[in-house]
Amino acid sequence: TLGTQTDYRDGEAQTDPYSPEYVVPCGSVPELLTLATLTWGRGLPAGLVEVEMIERARQKRAWEATLPAMDNASHIAERRKMMEDMERKEWAFREQEIEKLQEVRLEVLKKLLQRREENQNELDAKRLDDHWQNHQKAKEEKIKKIQHDCALMLRKLIAKRKNVMGKLERRDIIKEYTDLASQTYAPLSRIGYFPDNHSERYVVKNFYLNTFAGLCELEASLPDSVTQVEIKAPKPKYTTTKTGFIKRSARLEVELAQVHQ
């Protein structure tokens, strides 16, 4: 809309306020000229600090108007005393400004120190958390190892308890082959059997099968009956006997053909 466009245009293309030219009459000192140092963005629009500065300038001009003339020695001494008092007041005011500035800087420094302390606390908490996580992992691994060792020792104790007297037992082959859970059918890795070890020995490696020269040599060594197929024509079935009678099987085949038709 027109209003939105106007706001956008004023906000994006706003420059410093225009200051027209002026002429000062002779013998007059406008108070506005004392504020010529204030420009847009540097003191304008005026805030509380600028208003206080304007009030102090007015008080100083009023004080300068009350200074005695320098026509005799008594007036000079009084003028000097008033100027010394004003200088002490200005130094006191300057000290107050310096103290305020130091307080502001101190507050900023406190905030920075507090922020740095918070960041350091977060970093310390993260480090402690990582350290605690590492200890927890080490604890879990140690517990797993203890449980594994416990199970191993229990199996050893169970195996020792089976033969408390230490008697030698002969191998019962029939019992081993009748029990499908025995070492014959399901050997255990903990007694030294690893089915995956040396698995490459079961791979067939043959010169006549893995190389082209071996295949040519194997093909040359085979007889012709393997490479060259011989087709033999089937012999016809004789349906009659030597004496001229038709066989029973031939008569059955003819009857079956007629039934099929």
C-alpha atoms as a PDB file:
ATOM      1  CA  THR A   1       0.000   0.000   0.000  1.00  0.00           C
ATOM      2  CA  LEU A   2       0.945   3.649  -0.219  1.00  0.00           C
ATOM      3  CA  GLY A   3       1.572   3.853   3.513  1.00  0.00           C
ATOM      4  CA  THR A   4       3.876   0.839   3.555  1.00  0.00           C
ATOM      5  CA  GLN A   5       5.829   2.171   0.594  1.00  0.00           C
ATOM      6  CA  THR A   6       6.209   5.541   2.298  1.00  0.00           C
ATOM      7  CA  ASP A   7       7.477   3.969   5.531  1.00  0.00           C
ATOM      8  CA  TYR A   8       9.900   1.806   3.593  1.00  0.00           C
ATOM      9  CA  ARG A   9      11.138   4.748   1.557  1.00  0.00           C
ATOM     10  CA  ASP A  10      11.545   7.021   4.591  1.00  0.00           C
ATOM     11  CA  GLY A  11      13.346   4.297   6.527  1.00  0.00           C
ATOM     12  CA  GLU A  12      15.786   3.390   3.771  1.00  0.00           C
ATOM     13  CA  ALA A  13      16.554   6.817   2.286  1.00  0.00           C
ATOM     14  CA  GLN A  14      16.537   9.063   5.369  1.00  0.00           C
ATOM     15  CA  THR A  15      19.538  11.464   5.466  1.00  0.00           C
ATOM     16  CA  ASP A  16      20.715  13.995   8.012  1.00  0.00           C
ATOM     17  CA  PRO A  17      18.168  16.757   8.705  1.00  0.00           C
ATOM     18  CA  TYR A  18      18.640  19.829   6.547  1.00  0.00           C
ATOM     19  CA  SER A  19      20.246  22.844   8.206  1.00  0.00           C
ATOM     20  CA  PRO A  20      19.508  26.060   6.277  1.00  0.00           C
ATOM     21  CA  GLU A  21      21.921  28.926   6.081  1.00  0.00           C
ATOM     22  CA  TYR A  22      21.576  31.709   8.639  1.00  0.00           C
ATOM     23  CA  VAL A  23      22.774  35.278   9.322  1.00  0.00           C
ATOM     24  CA  VAL A  24      23.692  36.483  12.814  1.00  0.00           C
ATOM     25  CA  PRO A  25      23.010  40.158  13.538  1.00  0.00           C
ATOM     26  CA  CYS A  26      25.838  42.212  14.941  1.00  0.00           C
ATOM     27  CA  GLY A  27      26.044  42.346  18.723  1.00  0.00           C
ATOM     28  CA  SER A  28      23.894  39.241  19.308  1.00  0.00           C
ATOM     29  CA  VAL A  29      25.059  35.733  20.292  1.00  0.00           C
ATOM     30  CA  PRO A  30      22.205  33.244  19.891  1.00  0.00           C
ATOM     31  CA  GLU A  31      22.207  30.375  22.304  1.00  0.00           C
ATOM     32  CA  LEU A  32      21.547  27.963  19.445  1.00  0.00           C
ATOM     33  CA  LEU A  33      25.022  28.641  17.995  1.00  0.00           C
ATOM     34  CA  THR A  34      26.564  27.226  21.168  1.00  0.00           C
ATOM     35  CA  LEU A  35      25.073  23.851  20.180  1.00  0.00           C
ATOM     36  CA  ALA A  36      26.646  23.796  16.699  1.00  0.00           C
ATOM     37  CA  THR A  37      28.904  20.903  17.741  1.00  0.00           C
ATOM     38  CA  LEU A  38      25.857  18.642  18.124  1.00  0.00           C
ATOM     39  CA  THR A  39      25.000  16.851  14.871  1.00  0.00           C
ATOM     40  CA  TRP A  40      22.579  14.132  13.880  1.00  0.00           C
ATOM     41  CA  GLY A  41      23.767  10.867  15.364  1.00  0.00           C
ATOM     42  CA  ARG A  42      26.281  12.631  17.622  1.00  0.00           C
ATOM     43  CA  GLY A  43      24.195  14.307  20.305  1.00  0.00           C
ATOM     44  CA  LEU A  44      21.000  14.681  18.311  1.00  0.00           C
ATOM     45  CA  PRO A  45      18.272  13.897  19.035  1.00  0.00           C
ATOM     46  CA  ALA A  46      19.193  15.242  22.457  1.00  0.00           C
ATOM     47  CA  GLY A  47      19.064  12.990  25.479  1.00  0.00           C
ATOM     48  CA  LEU A  48      19.478  13.445  29.209  1.00  0.00           C
ATOM     49  CA  VAL A  49      23.257  13.938  28.953  1.00  0.00           C
ATOM     50  CA  GLU A  50      22.912  16.636  26.294  1.00  0.00           C
ATOM     51  CA  VAL A  51      20.228  18.446  28.330  1.00  0.00           C
ATOM     52  CA  GLU A  52      22.490  18.465  31.395  1.00  0.00           C
ATOM     53  CA  MET A  53      25.347  19.816  29.276  1.00  0.00           C
ATOM     54  CA  ILE A  54      23.105  22.642  27.960  1.00  0.00           C
ATOM     55  CA  GLU A  55      22.021  23.514  31.502  1.00  0.00           C
ATOM     56  CA  ARG A  56      25.641  23.632  32.690  1.00  0.00           C
ATOM     57  CA  ALA A  57      26.550  25.921  29.772  1.00  0.00           C
ATOM     58  CA  ARG A  58      23.699  28.266  30.706  1.00  0.00           C
ATOM     59  CA  GLN A  59      24.811  28.322  34.337  1.00  0.00           C
ATOM     60  CA  LYS A  60      28.368  29.045  33.253  1.00  0.00           C
ATOM     61  CA  ARG A  61      27.285  31.942  31.056  1.00  0.00           C
ATOM     62  CA  ALA A  62      25.192  33.300  33.914  1.00  0.00           C
ATOM     63  CA  TRP A  63      28.198  32.969  36.213  1.00  0.00           C
ATOM     64  CA  GLU A  64      30.447  34.749  33.702  1.00  0.00           C
ATOM     65  CA  ALA A  65      27.957  37.637  33.665  1.00  0.00           C
ATOM     66  CA  THR A  66      28.328  38.015  37.451  1.00  0.00           C
ATOM     67  CA  LEU A  67      32.130  38.313  37.337  1.00  0.00           C
ATOM     68  CA  PRO A  68      33.383  41.728  38.517  1.00  0.00           C
ATOM     69  CA  ALA A  69      35.187  44.017  36.148  1.00  0.00           C
ATOM     70  CA  MET A  70      38.976  44.177  36.195  1.00  0.00           C
ATOM     71  CA  ASP A  71      39.216  47.890  37.034  1.00  0.00           C
ATOM     72  CA  ASN A  72      40.994  47.756  40.433  1.00  0.00           C
ATOM     73  CA  ALA A  73      43.009  45.349  42.560  1.00  0.00           C
ATOM     74  CA  SER A  74      40.127  44.318  44.837  1.00  0.00           C
ATOM     75  CA  HIS A  75      37.965  43.346  41.872  1.00  0.00           C
ATOM     76  CA  ILE A  76      40.849  41.399  40.355  1.00  0.00           C
ATOM     77  CA  ALA A  77      41.348  39.440  43.592  1.00  0.00           C
ATOM     78  CA  GLU A  78      37.616  38.742  43.873  1.00  0.00           C
ATOM     79  CA  ARG A  79      37.507  37.656  40.223  1.00  0.00           C
ATOM     80  CA  ARG A  80      40.459  35.339  40.744  1.00  0.00           C
ATOM     81  CA  LYS A  81      38.822  33.794  43.825  1.00  0.00           C
ATOM     82  CA  MET A  82      35.543  33.217  41.951  1.00  0.00           C
ATOM     83  CA  MET A  83      37.413  31.639  39.046  1.00  0.00           C
ATOM     84  CA  GLU A  84      39.342  29.343  41.406  1.00  0.00           C
ATOM     85  CA  ASP A  85      36.072  28.253  43.024  1.00  0.00           C
ATOM     86  CA  MET A  86      34.553  27.565  39.622  1.00  0.00           C
ATOM     87  CA  GLU A  87      37.637  25.614  38.579  1.00  0.00           C
ATOM     88  CA  ARG A  88      37.377  23.462  41.723  1.00  0.00           C
ATOM     89  CA  LYS A  89      33.693  22.815  40.953  1.00  0.00           C
ATOM     90  CA  GLU A  90      34.555  21.835  37.374  1.00  0.00           C
ATOM     91  CA  TRP A  91      37.271  19.458  38.578  1.00  0.00           C
ATOM     92  CA  ALA A  92      34.840  17.919  41.059  1.00  0.00           C
ATOM     93  CA  PHE A  93      32.273  17.488  38.314  1.00  0.00           C
ATOM     94  CA  ARG A  94      34.922  15.965  36.051  1.00  0.00           C
ATOM     95  CA  GLU A  95      35.903  13.550  38.817  1.00  0.00           C
ATOM     96  CA  GLN A  96      32.241  12.523  39.163  1.00  0.00           C
ATOM     97  CA  GLU A  97      32.072  11.879  35.413  1.00  0.00           C
ATOM     98  CA  ILE A  98      35.250   9.817  35.574  1.00  0.00           C
ATOM     99  CA  GLU A  99      33.821   7.802  38.482  1.00  0.00           C
ATOM    100  CA  LYS A 100      30.588   7.168  36.548  1.00  0.00           C
ATOM    101  CA  LEU A 101      32.604   6.069  33.512  1.00  0.00           C
ATOM    102  CA  GLN A 102      34.691   3.782  35.707  1.00  0.00           C
ATOM    103  CA  GLU A 103      31.538   2.299  37.224  1.00  0.00           C
ATOM    104  CA  VAL A 104      30.159   1.607  33.743  1.00  0.00           C
ATOM    105  CA  ARG A 105      33.428   0.004  32.702  1.00  0.00           C
ATOM    106  CA  LEU A 106      33.462  -1.999  35.922  1.00  0.00           C
ATOM    107  CA  GLU A 107      29.947  -3.272  35.219  1.00  0.00           C
ATOM    108  CA  VAL A 108      30.965  -4.248  31.694  1.00  0.00           C
ATOM    109  CA  LEU A 109      34.053  -5.980  33.073  1.00  0.00           C
ATOM    110  CA  LYS A 110      31.936  -7.819  35.642  1.00  0.00           C
ATOM    111  CA  LYS A 111      29.578  -9.022  32.905  1.00  0.00           C
ATOM    112  CA  LEU A 112      32.508 -10.175  30.789  1.00  0.00           C
ATOM    113  CA  LEU A 113      34.055 -11.993  33.755  1.00  0.00           C
ATOM    114  CA  GLN A 114      30.715 -13.572  34.578  1.00  0.00           C
ATOM    115  CA  ARG A 115      30.242 -14.693  30.985  1.00  0.00           C
ATOM    116  CA  ARG A 116      33.770 -16.110  30.902  1.00  0.00           C
ATOM    117  CA  GLU A 117      33.160 -17.917  34.181  1.00  0.00           C
ATOM    118  CA  GLU A 118      29.911 -19.380  32.805  1.00  0.00           C
ATOM    119  CA  ASN A 119      31.699 -20.566  29.668  1.00  0.00           C
ATOM    120  CA  GLN A 120      34.462 -22.050  31.776  1.00  0.00           C
ATOM    121  CA  ASN A 121      31.892 -23.783  33.990  1.00  0.00           C
ATOM    122  CA  GLU A 122      30.170 -25.224  30.925  1.00  0.00           C
ATOM    123  CA  LEU A 123      33.506 -26.434  29.594  1.00  0.00           C
ATOM    124  CA  ASP A 124      34.406 -27.976  32.955  1.00  0.00           C
ATOM    125  CA  ALA A 125      30.998 -29.654  33.158  1.00  0.00           C
ATOM    126  CA  LYS A 126      31.450 -31.073  29.659  1.00  0.00           C
ATOM    127  CA  ARG A 127      34.917 -32.358  30.549  1.00  0.00           C
ATOM    128  CA  LEU A 128      33.597 -33.943  33.733  1.00  0.00           C
ATOM    129  CA  ASP A 129      30.758 -35.526  31.788  1.00  0.00           C
ATOM    130  CA  ASP A 130      33.182 -36.962  29.218  1.00  0.00           C
ATOM    131  CA  HIS A 131      35.432 -38.194  32.036  1.00  0.00           C
ATOM    132  CA  TRP A 132      32.445 -39.805  33.750  1.00  0.00           C
ATOM    133  CA  GLN A 133      31.360 -41.453  30.491  1.00  0.00           C
ATOM    134  CA  ASN A 134      34.844 -42.875  29.999  1.00  0.00           C
ATOM    135  CA  HIS A 135      34.831 -44.241  33.546  1.00  0.00           C
ATOM    136  CA  GLN A 136      31.392 -45.761  32.965  1.00  0.00           C
ATOM    137  CA  LYS A 137      32.602 -47.498  29.785  1.00  0.00           C
ATOM    138  CA  ALA A 138      35.673 -48.804  31.571  1.00  0.00           C
ATOM    139  CA  LYS A 139      33.458 -49.992  34.433  1.00  0.00           C
ATOM    140  CA  GLU A 140      31.094 -51.838  32.063  1.00  0.00           C
ATOM    141  CA  GLU A 141      33.997 -53.474  30.244  1.00  0.00           C
ATOM    142  CA  LYS A 142      35.500 -54.563  33.539  1.00  0.00           C
ATOM    143  CA  ILE A 143      32.144 -55.975  34.683  1.00  0.00           C
ATOM    144  CA  LYS A 144      31.802 -57.901  31.403  1.00  0.00           C
ATOM    145  CA  LYS A 145      35.299 -59.329  31.820  1.00  0.00           C
ATOM    146  CA  ILE A 146      34.551 -60.351  35.402  1.00  0.00           C
ATOM    147  CA  GLN A 147      31.310 -62.041  34.302  1.00  0.00           C
ATOM    148  CA  HIS A 148      33.133 -63.842  31.486  1.00  0.00           C
ATOM    149  CA  ASP A 149      35.867 -65.034  33.870  1.00  0.00           C
ATOM    150  CA  CYS A 150      33.192 -66.121  36.350  1.00  0.00           C
ATOM    151  CA  ALA A 151      31.382 -68.192  33.709  1.00  0.00           C
ATOM    152  CA  LEU A 152      34.688 -69.740  32.634  1.00  0.00           C
ATOM    153  CA  MET A 153      35.592 -70.697  36.188  1.00  0.00           C
ATOM    154  CA  LEU A 154      32.108 -72.125  36.780  1.00  0.00           C
ATOM    155  CA  ARG A 155      32.449 -74.320  33.688  1.00  0.00           C
ATOM    156  CA  LYS A 156      35.827 -75.500  34.924  1.00  0.00           C
ATOM    157  CA  LEU A 157      34.404 -76.286  38.370  1.00  0.00           C
ATOM    158  CA  ILE A 158      31.465 -78.182  36.807  1.00  0.00           C
ATOM    159  CA  ALA A 159      33.880 -80.192  34.673  1.00  0.00           C
ATOM    160  CA  LYS A 160      36.030 -80.989  37.718  1.00  0.00           C
ATOM    161  CA  ARG A 161      32.988 -81.997  39.772  1.00  0.00           C
ATOM    162  CA  LYS A 162      32.039 -84.624  37.214  1.00  0.00           C
ATOM    163  CA  ASN A 163      35.187 -86.519  38.056  1.00  0.00           C
ATOM    164  CA  VAL A 164      35.832 -85.811  41.702  1.00  0.00           C
ATOM    165  CA  MET A 165      37.857 -88.993  42.342  1.00  0.00           C
ATOM    166  CA  GLY A 166      40.128 -88.296  39.387  1.00  0.00           C
ATOM    167  CA  LYS A 167      39.454 -91.639  37.696  1.00  0.00           C
ATOM    168  CA  LEU A 168      40.380 -92.101  34.095  1.00  0.00           C
ATOM    169  CA  GLU A 169      37.375 -92.710  31.868  1.00  0.00           C
ATOM    170  CA  ARG A 170      37.549 -94.362  28.530  1.00  0.00           C
ATOM    171  CA  ARG A 171      35.999 -92.732  25.523  1.00  0.00           C
ATOM    172  CA  ASP A 172      32.444 -93.899  24.819  1.00  0.00           C
ATOM    173  CA  ILE A 173      32.144 -93.584  21.058  1.00  0.00           C
ATOM    174  CA  ILE A 174      28.577 -94.894  20.961  1.00  0.00           C
ATOM    175  CA  LYS A 175      27.445 -92.284  23.468  1.00  0.00           C
ATOM    176  CA  GLU A 176      29.173 -89.511  21.540  1.00  0.00           C
ATOM    177  CA  TYR A 177      27.507 -90.440  18.254  1.00  0.00           C
ATOM    178  CA  THR A 178      24.067 -90.915  19.797  1.00  0.00           C
ATOM    179  CA  ASP A 179      24.160 -87.519  21.549  1.00  0.00           C
ATOM    180  CA  LEU A 180      23.721 -84.770  18.944  1.00  0.00           C
ATOM    181  CA  ALA A 181      25.063 -82.174  21.395  1.00  0.00           C
ATOM    182  CA  SER A 182      28.399 -83.960  21.870  1.00  0.00           C
ATOM    183  CA  GLN A 183      31.784 -82.794  20.650  1.00  0.00           C
ATOM    184  CA  THR A 184      31.494 -85.001  17.599  1.00  0.00           C
ATOM    185  CA  TYR A 185      28.586 -83.059  16.121  1.00  0.00           C
ATOM    186  CA  ALA A 186      29.033 -79.656  17.810  1.00  0.00           C
ATOM    187  CA  PRO A 187      32.624 -79.039  18.855  1.00  0.00           C
ATOM    188  CA  LEU A 188      33.249 -75.942  21.000  1.00  0.00           C
ATOM    189  CA  SER A 189      35.743 -73.196  20.251  1.00  0.00           C
ATOM    190  CA  ARG A 190      36.940 -73.052  23.849  1.00  0.00           C
ATOM    191  CA  ILE A 191      38.451 -76.533  23.561  1.00  0.00           C
ATOM    192  CA  GLY A 192      40.498 -75.555  20.522  1.00  0.00           C
ATOM    193  CA  TYR A 193      38.153 -76.092  17.568  1.00  0.00           C
ATOM    194  CA  PHE A 194      37.637 -73.148  15.261  1.00  0.00           C
ATOM    195  CA  PRO A 195      35.542 -74.060  12.198  1.00  0.00           C
ATOM    196  CA  ASP A 196      36.441 -70.858  10.343  1.00  0.00           C
ATOM    197  CA  ASN A 197      40.196 -71.380  10.564  1.00  0.00           C
ATOM    198  CA  HIS A 198      41.965 -72.768   7.495  1.00  0.00           C
ATOM    199  CA  SER A 199      38.748 -72.590   5.497  1.00  0.00           C
ATOM    200  CA  GLU A 200      40.778 -72.064   2.341  1.00  0.00           C
ATOM    201  CA  ARG A 201      41.868 -75.703   2.373  1.00  0.00           C
ATOM    202  CA  TYR A 202      38.353 -76.693   1.299  1.00  0.00           C
ATOM    203  CA  VAL A 203      38.604 -74.592  -1.862  1.00  0.00           C
ATOM    204  CA  VAL A 204      39.336 -76.739  -4.917  1.00  0.00           C
ATOM    205  CA  LYS A 205      42.475 -75.517  -6.663  1.00  0.00           C
ATOM    206  CA  ASN A 206      43.126 -77.522  -9.834  1.00  0.00           C
ATOM    207  CA  PHE A 207      45.442 -76.703 -12.716  1.00  0.00           C
ATOM    208  CA  TYR A 208      43.052 -78.260 -15.229  1.00  0.00           C
ATOM    209  CA  LEU A 209      40.083 -76.134 -13.996  1.00  0.00           C
ATOM    210  CA  ASN A 210      41.621 -72.754 -13.110  1.00  0.00           C
ATOM    211  CA  THR A 211      43.855 -72.127 -16.148  1.00  0.00           C
ATOM    212  CA  PHE A 212      43.178 -71.969 -19.879  1.00  0.00           C
ATOM    213  CA  ALA A 213      46.137 -74.199 -20.709  1.00  0.00           C
ATOM    214  CA  GLY A 214      44.870 -76.781 -18.243  1.00  0.00           C
ATOM    215  CA  LEU A 215      41.416 -76.700 -19.803  1.00  0.00           C
ATOM    216  CA  CYS A 216      42.936 -77.235 -23.282  1.00  0.00           C
ATOM    217  CA  GLU A 217      45.021 -80.131 -22.022  1.00  0.00           C
ATOM    218  CA  LEU A 218      42.005 -81.652 -20.260  1.00  0.00           C
ATOM    219  CA  GLU A 219      39.902 -81.327 -23.399  1.00  0.00           C
ATOM    220  CA  ALA A 220      42.633 -82.949 -25.515  1.00  0.00           C
ATOM    221  CA  SER A 221      42.896 -85.897 -23.109  1.00  0.00           C
ATOM    222  CA  LEU A 222      39.180 -86.680 -23.230  1.00  0.00           C
ATOM    223  CA  PRO A 223      37.988 -89.346 -25.699  1.00  0.00           C
ATOM    224  CA  ASP A 224      36.009 -88.430 -28.812  1.00  0.00           C
ATOM    225  CA  SER A 225      32.869 -90.008 -27.388  1.00  0.00           C
ATOM    226  CA  VAL A 226      32.702 -87.185 -24.823  1.00  0.00           C
ATOM    227  CA  THR A 227      33.100 -84.241 -27.182  1.00  0.00           C
ATOM    228  CA  GLN A 228      31.468 -85.678 -30.302  1.00  0.00           C
ATOM    229  CA  VAL A 229      27.939 -86.883 -29.814  1.00  0.00           C
ATOM    230  CA  GLU A 230      26.846 -89.924 -31.795  1.00  0.00           C
ATOM    231  CA  ILE A 231      23.138 -90.300 -32.395  1.00  0.00           C
ATOM    232  CA  LYS A 232      21.867 -93.802 -32.999  1.00  0.00           C
ATOM    233  CA  ALA A 233      18.532 -94.255 -34.731  1.00  0.00           C
ATOM    234  CA  PRO A 234      16.082 -96.274 -32.674  1.00  0.00           C
ATOM    235  CA  LYS A 235      15.245 -99.735 -33.955  1.00  0.00           C
ATOM    236  CA  PRO A 236      11.669-100.244 -35.101  1.00  0.00           C
ATOM    237  CA  LYS A 237       9.425-102.348 -32.952  1.00  0.00           C
ATOM    238  CA  TYR A 238       8.287-105.563 -34.485  1.00  0.00           C
ATOM    239  CA  THR A 239       4.554-106.098 -33.929  1.00  0.00           C
ATOM    240  CA  THR A 240       4.447-109.563 -35.500  1.00  0.00           C
ATOM    241  CA  THR A 241       6.132-112.797 -34.517  1.00  0.00           C
ATOM    242  CA  LYS A 242       8.204-115.037 -36.715  1.00  0.00           C
ATOM    243  CA  THR A 243       5.168-117.214 -37.395  1.00  0.00           C
ATOM    244  CA  GLY A 244       3.098-114.215 -38.586  1.00  0.00           C
ATOM    245  CA  PHE A 245       0.874-113.655 -35.549  1.00  0.00           C
ATOM    246  CA  ILE A 246       0.278-110.172 -34.046  1.00  0.00           C
ATOM    247  CA  LYS A 247       1.588-109.735 -30.520  1.00  0.00           C
ATOM    248  CA  ARG A 248      -0.804-109.044 -27.662  1.00  0.00           C
ATOM    249  CA  SER A 249       0.999-105.775 -26.812  1.00  0.00           C
ATOM    250  CA  ALA A 250       0.499-104.566 -30.387  1.00  0.00           C
ATOM    251  CA  ARG A 251      -3.228-105.382 -30.246  1.00  0.00           C
ATOM    252  CA  LEU A 252      -3.509-103.467 -26.921  1.00  0.00           C
ATOM    253  CA  GLU A 253      -1.747-100.416 -28.407  1.00  0.00           C
ATOM    254  CA  VAL A 254      -4.164-100.405 -31.374  1.00  0.00           C
ATOM    255  CA  GLU A 255      -7.161-100.620 -29.034  1.00  0.00           C
ATOM    256  CA  LEU A 256      -5.816 -97.812 -26.852  1.00  0.00           C
ATOM    257  CA  ALA A 257      -5.281 -95.638 -29.943  1.00  0.00           C
ATOM    258  CA  GLN A 258      -8.865 -96.230 -31.058  1.00  0.00           C
ATOM    259  CA  VAL A 259     -10.182 -95.385 -27.572  1.00  0.00           C
ATOM    260  CA  HIS A 260      -8.051 -92.228 -27.506  1.00  0.00           C
ATOM    261  CA  GLN A 261      -9.446 -91.114 -30.867  1.00  0.00           C
END
